[in-house]
Amino acid sequence: MADTGNDSIDEIIQGCLQKKEKSQEMLYKRFFGYALRVALIHNRNRDNALEIVNDSFAKVFSQIRRYDTSMPFKSWLSKIVINTSIDKFRKNNWSNNISLQEAFLVPDNSPGIVAQITANDILRLLNRLPDNQRLVFSLYEIEGYSHNEISFLLRIPENSSRVYLARAKKRLRELFKMYFNSSYEKVGN
């Protein structure tokens, strides 16, 4: 099967089900960029994100029989990449210690979303957050997980998820003010 770009995803997945290396290579090449973008949202380090992508594709190939063809492949891949990111984060970084003094919620008085901000601007701001805040923010605000789901995934109290989200929003507001002036022009890197 030559990768002409015209091969349907169904044909490629059929080849992956038959453990054909060419089909696996085609799937990897076709969705690598997408998987990397998802991994970079959850991990600021590009090398770690690449490792997450490779681990995710290993899971895809080993679990391809579980893929439900009635749903978009990107959705299934995204869940695998997100879960792999969470597993890596949990394994390497998670500190579950939060003092009672720190466990207060910061009200969200943020201004509306500014249309002039690019995805790269947002990613740069997100990458300035501590890992736990960035992960909770991206799971809640970008991926649409509830605090209950985040609590289960990260094995933290639900209130900690809320605290990390509130802190992330507060820090993003501070970073926004630091990098953009009142007319939303870039003023920093």
N, C-alpha and C. Protein backbone atom coordinates (compact mmCIF):
# COMPACT_ATOMS: atom_id res chain seq x y z
N MET A 1 0.85 -1.18 0.00
CA MET A 1 0.00 0.00 0.00
C MET A 1 0.89 1.23 0.00
N ALA A 2 0.90 2.00 -1.04
CA ALA A 2 1.72 3.21 -1.13
C ALA A 2 0.97 4.36 -0.50
N ASP A 3 1.70 5.22 0.18
CA ASP A 3 1.05 6.37 0.82
C ASP A 3 0.94 7.50 -0.17
N THR A 4 -0.14 7.51 -0.88
CA THR A 4 -0.39 8.55 -1.87
C THR A 4 -1.14 9.70 -1.24
N GLY A 5 -1.49 9.56 0.01
CA GLY A 5 -2.31 10.57 0.66
C GLY A 5 -3.79 10.33 0.39
N ASN A 6 -4.06 9.42 -0.56
CA ASN A 6 -5.44 9.13 -0.92
C ASN A 6 -5.97 7.89 -0.22
N ASP A 7 -5.09 7.16 0.47
CA ASP A 7 -5.53 5.97 1.18
C ASP A 7 -6.50 6.40 2.28
N SER A 8 -7.63 5.72 2.34
CA SER A 8 -8.61 6.09 3.35
C SER A 8 -8.15 5.61 4.72
N ILE A 9 -8.60 6.27 5.71
CA ILE A 9 -8.25 5.90 7.09
C ILE A 9 -8.74 4.48 7.37
N ASP A 10 -9.89 4.11 6.79
CA ASP A 10 -10.41 2.75 6.99
C ASP A 10 -9.45 1.71 6.43
N GLU A 11 -8.87 1.98 5.25
CA GLU A 11 -7.91 1.05 4.65
C GLU A 11 -6.65 0.95 5.52
N ILE A 12 -6.21 2.08 6.00
CA ILE A 12 -5.00 2.10 6.83
C ILE A 12 -5.24 1.34 8.12
N ILE A 13 -6.39 1.56 8.73
CA ILE A 13 -6.71 0.86 9.99
C ILE A 13 -6.84 -0.64 9.74
N GLN A 14 -7.41 -1.03 8.62
CA GLN A 14 -7.49 -2.46 8.29
C GLN A 14 -6.08 -3.05 8.20
N GLY A 15 -5.17 -2.31 7.58
CA GLY A 15 -3.79 -2.77 7.51
C GLY A 15 -3.16 -2.87 8.89
N CYS A 16 -3.47 -1.90 9.76
CA CYS A 16 -2.94 -1.93 11.14
C CYS A 16 -3.50 -3.12 11.90
N LEU A 17 -4.77 -3.44 11.66
CA LEU A 17 -5.37 -4.61 12.31
C LEU A 17 -4.65 -5.90 11.89
N GLN A 18 -4.11 -5.88 10.67
CA GLN A 18 -3.37 -7.04 10.16
C GLN A 18 -1.87 -6.93 10.50
N LYS A 19 -1.54 -5.91 11.32
CA LYS A 19 -0.17 -5.67 11.77
C LYS A 19 0.80 -5.43 10.62
N LYS A 20 0.32 -4.77 9.58
CA LYS A 20 1.17 -4.42 8.44
C LYS A 20 1.98 -3.17 8.81
N GLU A 21 3.29 -3.31 8.76
CA GLU A 21 4.17 -2.20 9.14
C GLU A 21 3.95 -0.97 8.28
N LYS A 22 3.71 -1.15 6.98
CA LYS A 22 3.50 -0.01 6.09
C LYS A 22 2.25 0.76 6.50
N SER A 23 1.20 0.07 6.89
CA SER A 23 -0.03 0.74 7.35
C SER A 23 0.23 1.49 8.65
N GLN A 24 0.99 0.86 9.56
CA GLN A 24 1.31 1.53 10.81
C GLN A 24 2.13 2.79 10.55
N GLU A 25 3.07 2.69 9.63
CA GLU A 25 3.89 3.86 9.27
C GLU A 25 3.02 4.97 8.68
N MET A 26 2.09 4.59 7.82
CA MET A 26 1.20 5.58 7.21
C MET A 26 0.33 6.27 8.26
N LEU A 27 -0.20 5.49 9.20
CA LEU A 27 -1.03 6.06 10.26
C LEU A 27 -0.22 7.02 11.11
N TYR A 28 0.99 6.59 11.46
CA TYR A 28 1.88 7.42 12.27
C TYR A 28 2.18 8.74 11.56
N LYS A 29 2.56 8.65 10.29
CA LYS A 29 2.90 9.86 9.53
C LYS A 29 1.69 10.77 9.35
N ARG A 30 0.54 10.19 9.12
CA ARG A 30 -0.66 11.00 8.87
C ARG A 30 -1.11 11.76 10.12
N PHE A 31 -0.95 11.15 11.30
CA PHE A 31 -1.48 11.76 12.52
C PHE A 31 -0.40 12.22 13.50
N PHE A 32 0.85 12.13 13.11
CA PHE A 32 1.94 12.54 14.01
C PHE A 32 1.79 14.00 14.44
N GLY A 33 1.60 14.90 13.49
CA GLY A 33 1.49 16.33 13.80
C GLY A 33 0.33 16.63 14.74
N TYR A 34 -0.80 15.99 14.49
CA TYR A 34 -1.96 16.18 15.35
C TYR A 34 -1.66 15.70 16.77
N ALA A 35 -1.09 14.50 16.88
CA ALA A 35 -0.77 13.94 18.19
C ALA A 35 0.24 14.81 18.93
N LEU A 36 1.21 15.34 18.21
CA LEU A 36 2.21 16.20 18.83
C LEU A 36 1.58 17.49 19.36
N ARG A 37 0.65 18.06 18.59
CA ARG A 37 -0.03 19.28 19.07
C ARG A 37 -0.78 19.00 20.37
N VAL A 38 -1.47 17.86 20.43
CA VAL A 38 -2.19 17.50 21.65
C VAL A 38 -1.21 17.30 22.80
N ALA A 39 -0.11 16.61 22.55
CA ALA A 39 0.88 16.36 23.60
C ALA A 39 1.52 17.65 24.08
N LEU A 40 1.77 18.59 23.19
CA LEU A 40 2.40 19.86 23.58
C LEU A 40 1.48 20.74 24.42
N ILE A 41 0.19 20.55 24.29
CA ILE A 41 -0.75 21.29 25.14
C ILE A 41 -0.58 20.86 26.59
N HIS A 42 -0.28 19.58 26.78
CA HIS A 42 -0.21 19.02 28.12
C HIS A 42 1.21 18.91 28.65
N ASN A 43 2.20 19.22 27.84
CA ASN A 43 3.59 19.08 28.27
C ASN A 43 4.44 20.13 27.58
N ARG A 44 5.09 20.97 28.32
CA ARG A 44 5.86 22.06 27.74
C ARG A 44 7.16 21.60 27.10
N ASN A 45 7.69 20.47 27.50
CA ASN A 45 8.98 19.99 27.00
C ASN A 45 8.75 19.18 25.72
N ARG A 46 9.34 19.64 24.63
CA ARG A 46 9.12 19.00 23.32
C ARG A 46 9.62 17.54 23.32
N ASP A 47 10.75 17.27 23.97
CA ASP A 47 11.26 15.90 24.02
C ASP A 47 10.28 14.98 24.74
N ASN A 48 9.72 15.46 25.86
CA ASN A 48 8.72 14.67 26.57
C ASN A 48 7.47 14.48 25.72
N ALA A 49 7.08 15.55 25.01
CA ALA A 49 5.90 15.45 24.14
C ALA A 49 6.13 14.42 23.04
N LEU A 50 7.33 14.39 22.47
CA LEU A 50 7.65 13.39 21.44
C LEU A 50 7.60 11.98 22.02
N GLU A 51 8.09 11.84 23.24
CA GLU A 51 8.03 10.54 23.90
C GLU A 51 6.58 10.12 24.13
N ILE A 52 5.76 11.07 24.53
CA ILE A 52 4.34 10.80 24.74
C ILE A 52 3.68 10.36 23.42
N VAL A 53 4.01 11.05 22.33
CA VAL A 53 3.45 10.69 21.03
C VAL A 53 3.86 9.27 20.65
N ASN A 54 5.13 8.96 20.80
CA ASN A 54 5.59 7.61 20.45
C ASN A 54 4.95 6.55 21.33
N ASP A 55 4.86 6.82 22.63
CA ASP A 55 4.19 5.88 23.53
C ASP A 55 2.72 5.72 23.16
N SER A 56 2.11 6.83 22.76
CA SER A 56 0.69 6.79 22.37
C SER A 56 0.48 5.94 21.13
N PHE A 57 1.35 6.10 20.15
CA PHE A 57 1.20 5.28 18.94
C PHE A 57 1.47 3.81 19.23
N ALA A 58 2.37 3.53 20.15
CA ALA A 58 2.58 2.13 20.54
C ALA A 58 1.29 1.56 21.13
N LYS A 59 0.59 2.37 21.94
CA LYS A 59 -0.70 1.94 22.49
C LYS A 59 -1.75 1.79 21.39
N VAL A 60 -1.75 2.74 20.45
CA VAL A 60 -2.70 2.66 19.33
C VAL A 60 -2.53 1.34 18.60
N PHE A 61 -1.28 1.00 18.26
CA PHE A 61 -1.03 -0.22 17.49
C PHE A 61 -1.35 -1.48 18.29
N SER A 62 -1.12 -1.44 19.58
CA SER A 62 -1.40 -2.63 20.40
C SER A 62 -2.89 -2.75 20.73
N GLN A 63 -3.63 -1.63 20.67
CA GLN A 63 -5.04 -1.64 21.05
C GLN A 63 -5.97 -1.32 19.87
N ILE A 64 -5.46 -1.39 18.66
CA ILE A 64 -6.25 -0.97 17.49
C ILE A 64 -7.56 -1.74 17.37
N ARG A 65 -7.62 -2.94 17.89
CA ARG A 65 -8.86 -3.73 17.84
C ARG A 65 -9.97 -3.09 18.69
N ARG A 66 -9.59 -2.26 19.64
CA ARG A 66 -10.57 -1.59 20.50
C ARG A 66 -11.16 -0.34 19.85
N TYR A 67 -10.56 0.12 18.77
CA TYR A 67 -11.04 1.33 18.11
C TYR A 67 -12.44 1.10 17.54
N ASP A 68 -13.36 1.98 17.89
CA ASP A 68 -14.74 1.93 17.40
C ASP A 68 -14.81 2.78 16.14
N THR A 69 -14.97 2.13 15.00
CA THR A 69 -14.94 2.83 13.72
C THR A 69 -16.10 3.80 13.53
N SER A 70 -17.07 3.78 14.43
CA SER A 70 -18.19 4.73 14.31
C SER A 70 -17.81 6.12 14.84
N MET A 71 -16.67 6.20 15.52
CA MET A 71 -16.22 7.51 16.02
C MET A 71 -14.99 7.94 15.22
N PRO A 72 -14.73 9.25 15.15
CA PRO A 72 -13.56 9.72 14.40
C PRO A 72 -12.26 9.20 15.03
N PHE A 73 -11.33 8.81 14.17
CA PHE A 73 -10.06 8.29 14.67
C PHE A 73 -9.33 9.33 15.50
N LYS A 74 -9.38 10.60 15.08
CA LYS A 74 -8.68 11.66 15.83
C LYS A 74 -9.16 11.74 17.27
N SER A 75 -10.44 11.53 17.50
CA SER A 75 -10.97 11.58 18.86
C SER A 75 -10.37 10.46 19.71
N TRP A 76 -10.31 9.27 19.13
CA TRP A 76 -9.74 8.13 19.85
C TRP A 76 -8.26 8.36 20.11
N LEU A 77 -7.54 8.82 19.11
CA LEU A 77 -6.11 9.10 19.27
C LEU A 77 -5.90 10.19 20.32
N SER A 78 -6.70 11.22 20.29
CA SER A 78 -6.58 12.31 21.25
C SER A 78 -6.72 11.81 22.68
N LYS A 79 -7.70 10.94 22.92
CA LYS A 79 -7.88 10.38 24.27
C LYS A 79 -6.66 9.59 24.70
N ILE A 80 -6.08 8.83 23.77
CA ILE A 80 -4.89 8.06 24.11
C ILE A 80 -3.73 8.98 24.43
N VAL A 81 -3.53 10.03 23.63
CA VAL A 81 -2.43 10.97 23.87
C VAL A 81 -2.64 11.69 25.21
N ILE A 82 -3.85 12.11 25.48
CA ILE A 82 -4.14 12.80 26.74
C ILE A 82 -3.89 11.86 27.92
N ASN A 83 -4.37 10.64 27.84
CA ASN A 83 -4.17 9.69 28.94
C ASN A 83 -2.70 9.34 29.12
N THR A 84 -1.96 9.24 28.02
CA THR A 84 -0.53 8.97 28.11
C THR A 84 0.18 10.16 28.75
N SER A 85 -0.24 11.37 28.41
CA SER A 85 0.32 12.58 29.03
C SER A 85 0.06 12.60 30.53
N ILE A 86 -1.16 12.25 30.90
CA ILE A 86 -1.53 12.22 32.32
C ILE A 86 -0.70 11.16 33.05
N ASP A 87 -0.57 9.99 32.45
CA ASP A 87 0.23 8.93 33.08
C ASP A 87 1.67 9.36 33.28
N LYS A 88 2.25 10.00 32.28
CA LYS A 88 3.64 10.46 32.38
C LYS A 88 3.77 11.54 33.46
N PHE A 89 2.81 12.45 33.47
CA PHE A 89 2.83 13.52 34.46
C PHE A 89 2.71 12.94 35.87
N ARG A 90 1.75 12.05 36.03
CA ARG A 90 1.51 11.44 37.33
C ARG A 90 2.76 10.69 37.80
N LYS A 91 3.39 10.00 36.89
CA LYS A 91 4.57 9.20 37.22
C LYS A 91 5.77 10.08 37.62
N ASN A 92 5.94 11.19 36.93
CA ASN A 92 7.16 11.98 37.10
C ASN A 92 7.04 13.24 37.95
N ASN A 93 5.88 13.86 37.98
CA ASN A 93 5.83 15.22 38.51
C ASN A 93 4.85 15.48 39.63
N TRP A 94 3.89 14.66 39.82
CA TRP A 94 2.78 15.08 40.66
C TRP A 94 3.15 15.20 42.13
N SER A 95 2.86 16.33 42.66
CA SER A 95 2.99 16.55 44.09
C SER A 95 1.58 16.75 44.61
N ASN A 96 1.14 15.85 45.44
CA ASN A 96 -0.24 15.89 45.91
C ASN A 96 -0.37 16.68 47.22
N ASN A 97 0.66 17.41 47.56
CA ASN A 97 0.63 18.16 48.81
C ASN A 97 0.14 19.57 48.57
N ILE A 98 -0.99 19.89 49.14
CA ILE A 98 -1.53 21.23 49.04
C ILE A 98 -2.00 21.62 50.44
N SER A 99 -1.46 22.72 50.93
CA SER A 99 -1.80 23.11 52.30
C SER A 99 -3.18 23.73 52.35
N LEU A 100 -3.76 23.72 53.52
CA LEU A 100 -5.09 24.31 53.67
C LEU A 100 -5.06 25.80 53.40
N GLN A 101 -3.94 26.47 53.74
CA GLN A 101 -3.83 27.89 53.47
C GLN A 101 -3.89 28.18 51.98
N GLU A 102 -3.36 27.26 51.16
CA GLU A 102 -3.33 27.47 49.73
C GLU A 102 -4.65 27.08 49.07
N ALA A 103 -5.51 26.39 49.77
CA ALA A 103 -6.71 25.83 49.17
C ALA A 103 -7.88 26.80 49.13
N PHE A 104 -7.64 28.01 48.67
CA PHE A 104 -8.74 28.95 48.51
C PHE A 104 -8.96 29.17 47.02
N LEU A 105 -10.18 29.49 46.66
CA LEU A 105 -10.50 29.69 45.26
C LEU A 105 -10.35 31.16 44.91
N VAL A 106 -9.76 31.42 43.78
CA VAL A 106 -9.59 32.77 43.29
C VAL A 106 -10.75 33.05 42.34
N PRO A 107 -11.48 34.15 42.59
CA PRO A 107 -12.59 34.43 41.69
C PRO A 107 -12.10 34.69 40.26
N ASP A 108 -12.91 34.33 39.29
CA ASP A 108 -12.55 34.51 37.89
C ASP A 108 -13.23 35.77 37.36
N ASN A 109 -12.47 36.87 37.29
CA ASN A 109 -12.99 38.12 36.75
C ASN A 109 -12.35 38.43 35.40
N SER A 110 -11.92 37.41 34.69
CA SER A 110 -11.15 37.61 33.47
C SER A 110 -11.98 38.27 32.39
N PRO A 111 -11.30 39.08 31.55
CA PRO A 111 -12.01 39.69 30.43
C PRO A 111 -12.33 38.62 29.39
N GLY A 112 -13.19 38.96 28.45
CA GLY A 112 -13.53 38.02 27.39
C GLY A 112 -12.32 37.65 26.55
N ILE A 113 -12.47 36.60 25.77
CA ILE A 113 -11.38 36.14 24.93
C ILE A 113 -11.10 37.16 23.84
N VAL A 114 -9.83 37.42 23.62
CA VAL A 114 -9.43 38.42 22.63
C VAL A 114 -9.13 37.70 21.32
N ALA A 115 -9.78 38.13 20.26
CA ALA A 115 -9.66 37.44 18.98
C ALA A 115 -8.26 37.56 18.36
N GLN A 116 -7.49 38.58 18.73
CA GLN A 116 -6.20 38.80 18.09
C GLN A 116 -5.11 37.86 18.61
N ILE A 117 -5.34 37.16 19.68
CA ILE A 117 -4.31 36.29 20.24
C ILE A 117 -4.23 35.02 19.40
N THR A 118 -3.01 34.63 19.04
CA THR A 118 -2.84 33.42 18.24
C THR A 118 -2.72 32.20 19.15
N ALA A 119 -2.84 31.03 18.55
CA ALA A 119 -2.68 29.78 19.29
C ALA A 119 -1.27 29.70 19.88
N ASN A 120 -0.28 30.17 19.14
CA ASN A 120 1.09 30.16 19.66
C ASN A 120 1.25 31.08 20.87
N ASP A 121 0.55 32.23 20.85
CA ASP A 121 0.59 33.13 22.01
C ASP A 121 0.01 32.43 23.24
N ILE A 122 -1.08 31.74 23.05
CA ILE A 122 -1.73 31.03 24.16
C ILE A 122 -0.83 29.91 24.67
N LEU A 123 -0.24 29.17 23.75
CA LEU A 123 0.65 28.07 24.14
C LEU A 123 1.85 28.60 24.92
N ARG A 124 2.40 29.74 24.50
CA ARG A 124 3.52 30.35 25.24
C ARG A 124 3.09 30.73 26.66
N LEU A 125 1.89 31.28 26.79
CA LEU A 125 1.40 31.63 28.13
C LEU A 125 1.17 30.38 28.96
N LEU A 126 0.56 29.36 28.37
CA LEU A 126 0.32 28.11 29.10
C LEU A 126 1.63 27.48 29.57
N ASN A 127 2.66 27.57 28.75
CA ASN A 127 3.94 26.97 29.10
C ASN A 127 4.64 27.68 30.25
N ARG A 128 4.15 28.82 30.63
CA ARG A 128 4.70 29.55 31.78
C ARG A 128 4.04 29.13 33.09
N LEU A 129 3.01 28.30 33.01
CA LEU A 129 2.33 27.82 34.21
C LEU A 129 3.09 26.64 34.80
N PRO A 130 2.99 26.45 36.12
CA PRO A 130 3.52 25.22 36.71
C PRO A 130 2.80 24.01 36.10
N ASP A 131 3.48 22.88 36.06
CA ASP A 131 2.95 21.69 35.39
C ASP A 131 1.56 21.30 35.87
N ASN A 132 1.34 21.28 37.19
CA ASN A 132 0.05 20.84 37.70
C ASN A 132 -1.08 21.80 37.27
N GLN A 133 -0.80 23.10 37.28
CA GLN A 133 -1.81 24.07 36.86
C GLN A 133 -2.08 23.97 35.36
N ARG A 134 -1.03 23.84 34.56
CA ARG A 134 -1.19 23.75 33.11
C ARG A 134 -2.01 22.50 32.74
N LEU A 135 -1.71 21.39 33.39
CA LEU A 135 -2.41 20.15 33.07
C LEU A 135 -3.89 20.25 33.44
N VAL A 136 -4.20 20.73 34.63
CA VAL A 136 -5.60 20.87 35.04
C VAL A 136 -6.31 21.88 34.14
N PHE A 137 -5.65 23.01 33.84
CA PHE A 137 -6.26 24.01 32.96
C PHE A 137 -6.58 23.41 31.59
N SER A 138 -5.62 22.73 31.01
CA SER A 138 -5.86 22.19 29.66
C SER A 138 -6.93 21.10 29.66
N LEU A 139 -6.93 20.26 30.70
CA LEU A 139 -7.97 19.22 30.77
C LEU A 139 -9.36 19.83 30.93
N TYR A 140 -9.46 20.85 31.77
CA TYR A 140 -10.77 21.45 32.05
C TYR A 140 -11.22 22.37 30.92
N GLU A 141 -10.36 23.34 30.57
CA GLU A 141 -10.77 24.38 29.63
C GLU A 141 -10.64 23.97 28.17
N ILE A 142 -9.66 23.16 27.84
CA ILE A 142 -9.45 22.80 26.44
C ILE A 142 -10.12 21.48 26.09
N GLU A 143 -9.94 20.48 26.94
CA GLU A 143 -10.46 19.15 26.63
C GLU A 143 -11.89 18.94 27.14
N GLY A 144 -12.36 19.78 28.06
CA GLY A 144 -13.74 19.70 28.51
C GLY A 144 -14.02 18.70 29.62
N TYR A 145 -12.97 18.27 30.32
CA TYR A 145 -13.18 17.35 31.44
C TYR A 145 -13.78 18.11 32.61
N SER A 146 -14.56 17.42 33.44
CA SER A 146 -15.11 18.03 34.65
C SER A 146 -14.08 17.91 35.78
N HIS A 147 -14.28 18.64 36.86
CA HIS A 147 -13.36 18.53 38.00
C HIS A 147 -13.41 17.12 38.58
N ASN A 148 -14.57 16.52 38.57
CA ASN A 148 -14.70 15.15 39.05
C ASN A 148 -13.85 14.20 38.21
N GLU A 149 -13.91 14.34 36.89
CA GLU A 149 -13.12 13.49 36.00
C GLU A 149 -11.62 13.74 36.18
N ILE A 150 -11.24 15.01 36.31
CA ILE A 150 -9.82 15.35 36.51
C ILE A 150 -9.34 14.77 37.83
N SER A 151 -10.17 14.87 38.85
CA SER A 151 -9.84 14.32 40.16
C SER A 151 -9.55 12.82 40.04
N PHE A 152 -10.39 12.13 39.31
CA PHE A 152 -10.21 10.69 39.11
C PHE A 152 -8.95 10.39 38.29
N LEU A 153 -8.75 11.12 37.19
CA LEU A 153 -7.61 10.88 36.31
C LEU A 153 -6.27 11.14 37.00
N LEU A 154 -6.20 12.24 37.76
CA LEU A 154 -4.94 12.64 38.38
C LEU A 154 -4.78 12.12 39.80
N ARG A 155 -5.84 11.48 40.30
CA ARG A 155 -5.83 10.94 41.66
C ARG A 155 -5.55 12.04 42.69
N ILE A 156 -6.32 13.11 42.56
CA ILE A 156 -6.22 14.23 43.50
C ILE A 156 -7.64 14.55 43.97
N PRO A 157 -7.76 15.24 45.11
CA PRO A 157 -9.10 15.65 45.54
C PRO A 157 -9.73 16.61 44.51
N GLU A 158 -11.02 16.54 44.36
CA GLU A 158 -11.72 17.40 43.41
C GLU A 158 -11.46 18.88 43.71
N ASN A 159 -11.39 19.22 44.99
CA ASN A 159 -11.13 20.61 45.36
C ASN A 159 -9.74 21.06 44.89
N SER A 160 -8.78 20.15 44.89
CA SER A 160 -7.44 20.50 44.40
C SER A 160 -7.49 20.84 42.92
N SER A 161 -8.31 20.12 42.17
CA SER A 161 -8.48 20.42 40.75
C SER A 161 -9.01 21.84 40.59
N ARG A 162 -9.98 22.20 41.40
CA ARG A 162 -10.56 23.54 41.34
C ARG A 162 -9.51 24.61 41.71
N VAL A 163 -8.70 24.31 42.71
CA VAL A 163 -7.67 25.25 43.16
C VAL A 163 -6.63 25.45 42.05
N TYR A 164 -6.17 24.36 41.47
CA TYR A 164 -5.17 24.46 40.40
C TYR A 164 -5.72 25.23 39.21
N LEU A 165 -6.99 25.02 38.89
CA LEU A 165 -7.60 25.75 37.78
C LEU A 165 -7.68 27.24 38.11
N ALA A 166 -8.11 27.56 39.31
CA ALA A 166 -8.22 28.97 39.71
C ALA A 166 -6.85 29.64 39.68
N ARG A 167 -5.84 28.95 40.18
CA ARG A 167 -4.49 29.51 40.16
C ARG A 167 -3.99 29.69 38.73
N ALA A 168 -4.29 28.74 37.88
CA ALA A 168 -3.87 28.84 36.49
C ALA A 168 -4.51 30.05 35.83
N LYS A 169 -5.81 30.24 36.06
CA LYS A 169 -6.51 31.38 35.47
C LYS A 169 -5.94 32.70 36.00
N LYS A 170 -5.67 32.74 37.30
CA LYS A 170 -5.11 33.95 37.89
C LYS A 170 -3.75 34.24 37.28
N ARG A 171 -2.91 33.24 37.17
CA ARG A 171 -1.57 33.42 36.61
C ARG A 171 -1.65 33.80 35.12
N LEU A 172 -2.57 33.21 34.39
CA LEU A 172 -2.73 33.56 32.98
C LEU A 172 -3.17 35.01 32.82
N ARG A 173 -4.03 35.49 33.71
CA ARG A 173 -4.43 36.90 33.67
C ARG A 173 -3.21 37.79 33.90
N GLU A 174 -2.38 37.42 34.89
CA GLU A 174 -1.17 38.19 35.16
C GLU A 174 -0.23 38.17 33.96
N LEU A 175 -0.04 37.00 33.38
CA LEU A 175 0.84 36.88 32.21
C LEU A 175 0.28 37.66 31.03
N PHE A 176 -1.04 37.61 30.87
CA PHE A 176 -1.68 38.34 29.78
C PHE A 176 -1.37 39.83 29.91
N LYS A 177 -1.54 40.36 31.11
CA LYS A 177 -1.26 41.78 31.33
C LYS A 177 0.20 42.11 31.09
N MET A 178 1.08 41.15 31.44
CA MET A 178 2.51 41.38 31.28
C MET A 178 2.91 41.38 29.81
N TYR A 179 2.27 40.54 28.99
CA TYR A 179 2.67 40.38 27.60
C TYR A 179 1.83 41.15 26.59
N PHE A 180 0.71 41.68 27.02
CA PHE A 180 -0.16 42.44 26.12
C PHE A 180 -0.58 43.71 26.83
N ASN A 181 -0.57 44.83 26.10
CA ASN A 181 -1.03 46.07 26.74
C ASN A 181 -2.54 46.17 26.63
N SER A 182 -3.10 47.26 27.07
CA SER A 182 -4.55 47.39 27.13
C SER A 182 -5.21 47.33 25.75
N SER A 183 -4.46 47.62 24.69
CA SER A 183 -5.05 47.53 23.35
C SER A 183 -4.75 46.17 22.73
N TYR A 184 -4.24 45.22 23.56
CA TYR A 184 -3.97 43.85 23.15
C TYR A 184 -2.89 43.75 22.10
N GLU A 185 -1.93 44.66 22.17
CA GLU A 185 -0.76 44.53 21.33
C GLU A 185 0.32 43.81 22.13
N LYS A 186 1.11 43.00 21.45
CA LYS A 186 2.18 42.28 22.13
C LYS A 186 3.22 43.27 22.63
N VAL A 187 3.62 43.10 23.90
CA VAL A 187 4.65 43.95 24.46
C VAL A 187 5.81 43.14 25.00
N GLY A 188 5.68 41.84 25.08
CA GLY A 188 6.75 40.98 25.63
C GLY A 188 6.87 39.72 24.81
N ASN A 189 7.86 38.90 25.18
CA ASN A 189 8.05 37.62 24.48
C ASN A 189 7.44 36.51 25.26
